[in-house]
Protein backbone atom coordinates (compact mmCIF):
# COMPACT_ATOMS: atom_id res chain seq x y z
CA MET A 1 0.00 0.00 0.00
CA SER A 2 1.34 3.45 -0.88
CA SER A 3 1.90 6.07 1.77
CA SER A 4 -0.49 8.99 2.06
CA LYS A 5 2.27 11.25 0.70
CA ASN A 6 2.03 9.52 -2.66
CA LYS A 7 -1.76 9.26 -2.81
CA HIS A 8 -3.90 11.77 -4.62
CA LEU A 9 -5.97 13.99 -2.34
CA LEU A 10 -9.31 12.70 -3.64
CA ASP A 11 -8.18 9.10 -3.20
CA GLU A 12 -7.46 9.85 0.45
CA VAL A 13 -10.86 11.52 0.83
CA ARG A 14 -12.59 8.49 -0.71
CA ASP A 15 -10.66 6.09 1.54
CA PHE A 16 -11.63 8.09 4.63
CA MET A 17 -15.27 8.31 3.64
CA ARG A 18 -15.46 4.58 2.94
CA LEU A 19 -13.80 3.84 6.27
CA LYS A 20 -16.52 5.94 7.95
CA HIS A 21 -19.25 4.27 5.85
CA TYR A 22 -20.47 7.39 4.07
CA SER A 23 -22.88 6.73 1.21
CA ILE A 24 -21.50 6.73 -2.34
CA HIS A 25 -23.73 9.72 -3.11
CA THR A 26 -22.19 11.71 -0.24
CA GLU A 27 -18.70 10.67 -1.32
CA ARG A 28 -19.30 11.87 -4.87
CA THR A 29 -20.85 15.13 -3.69
CA TYR A 30 -17.98 15.93 -1.32
CA CYS A 31 -15.40 15.08 -3.97
CA GLU A 32 -17.12 17.43 -6.42
CA TRP A 33 -17.04 20.25 -3.85
CA ILE A 34 -13.36 19.57 -3.19
CA LYS A 35 -12.65 19.73 -6.93
CA ARG A 36 -14.44 23.09 -7.11
CA PHE A 37 -12.45 24.36 -4.12
CA VAL A 38 -9.12 23.25 -5.66
CA HIS A 39 -10.05 24.79 -9.01
CA PHE A 40 -11.18 28.06 -7.39
CA HIS A 41 -7.82 28.46 -5.66
CA ARG A 42 -5.84 27.11 -8.63
CA MET A 43 -4.14 24.59 -6.37
CA SER A 44 -1.53 22.29 -7.85
CA SER A 45 0.09 20.64 -4.83
CA ARG A 46 -0.49 19.80 -1.19
CA GLU A 47 1.53 22.88 -0.25
CA ASP A 48 -1.37 24.93 -1.60
CA LEU A 49 -3.52 23.63 1.26
CA LYS A 50 -1.73 25.96 3.69
CA ASP A 51 -3.86 28.74 5.22
CA GLY A 52 -6.86 26.47 4.82
CA GLU A 53 -9.28 28.46 6.98
CA GLN A 54 -8.75 31.63 4.97
CA LYS A 55 -9.14 29.74 1.71
CA ILE A 56 -12.33 28.07 2.89
CA GLU A 57 -13.76 31.43 3.95
CA ALA A 58 -12.89 32.98 0.56
CA PHE A 59 -14.44 30.03 -1.29
CA LEU A 60 -17.65 30.14 0.76
CA THR A 61 -17.92 33.89 0.27
CA HIS A 62 -17.47 33.39 -3.48
CA LEU A 63 -20.21 30.75 -3.48
CA ALA A 64 -22.63 32.97 -1.57
CA VAL A 65 -21.94 36.22 -3.44
CA LYS A 66 -21.09 35.13 -6.98
CA GLN A 67 -22.69 31.70 -7.31
CA ASN A 68 -25.84 32.27 -5.21
CA VAL A 69 -25.33 29.00 -3.32
CA ALA A 70 -27.81 28.57 -0.47
CA PRO A 71 -26.44 29.36 3.00
CA ALA A 72 -27.42 25.86 4.19
CA THR A 73 -24.85 24.45 1.77
CA GLN A 74 -22.14 26.36 3.59
CA ASN A 75 -23.07 24.78 6.91
CA HIS A 76 -22.16 21.23 5.84
CA LYS A 77 -19.24 19.80 7.74
CA ILE A 78 -17.42 16.50 7.56
CA ARG A 79 -17.76 14.60 10.82
CA PRO A 80 -14.41 13.65 12.38
């Protein structure tokens, strides 16, 4: 098995969600939101994940102001 350093981010997310028995629909939805987040910030490596809270806030503000995403969507959180 490869180390988490070598795994793609979305593969790690999928592994975690399967370990926690999330539904396949939830897994797909979360992965799509992560892709949008990565694209919004033009991320290309794990180093780009630094300052995560600020990036999340900027992304959520963008969704609310520019994309008219419902506020309830912004309240979703992944359970630890």
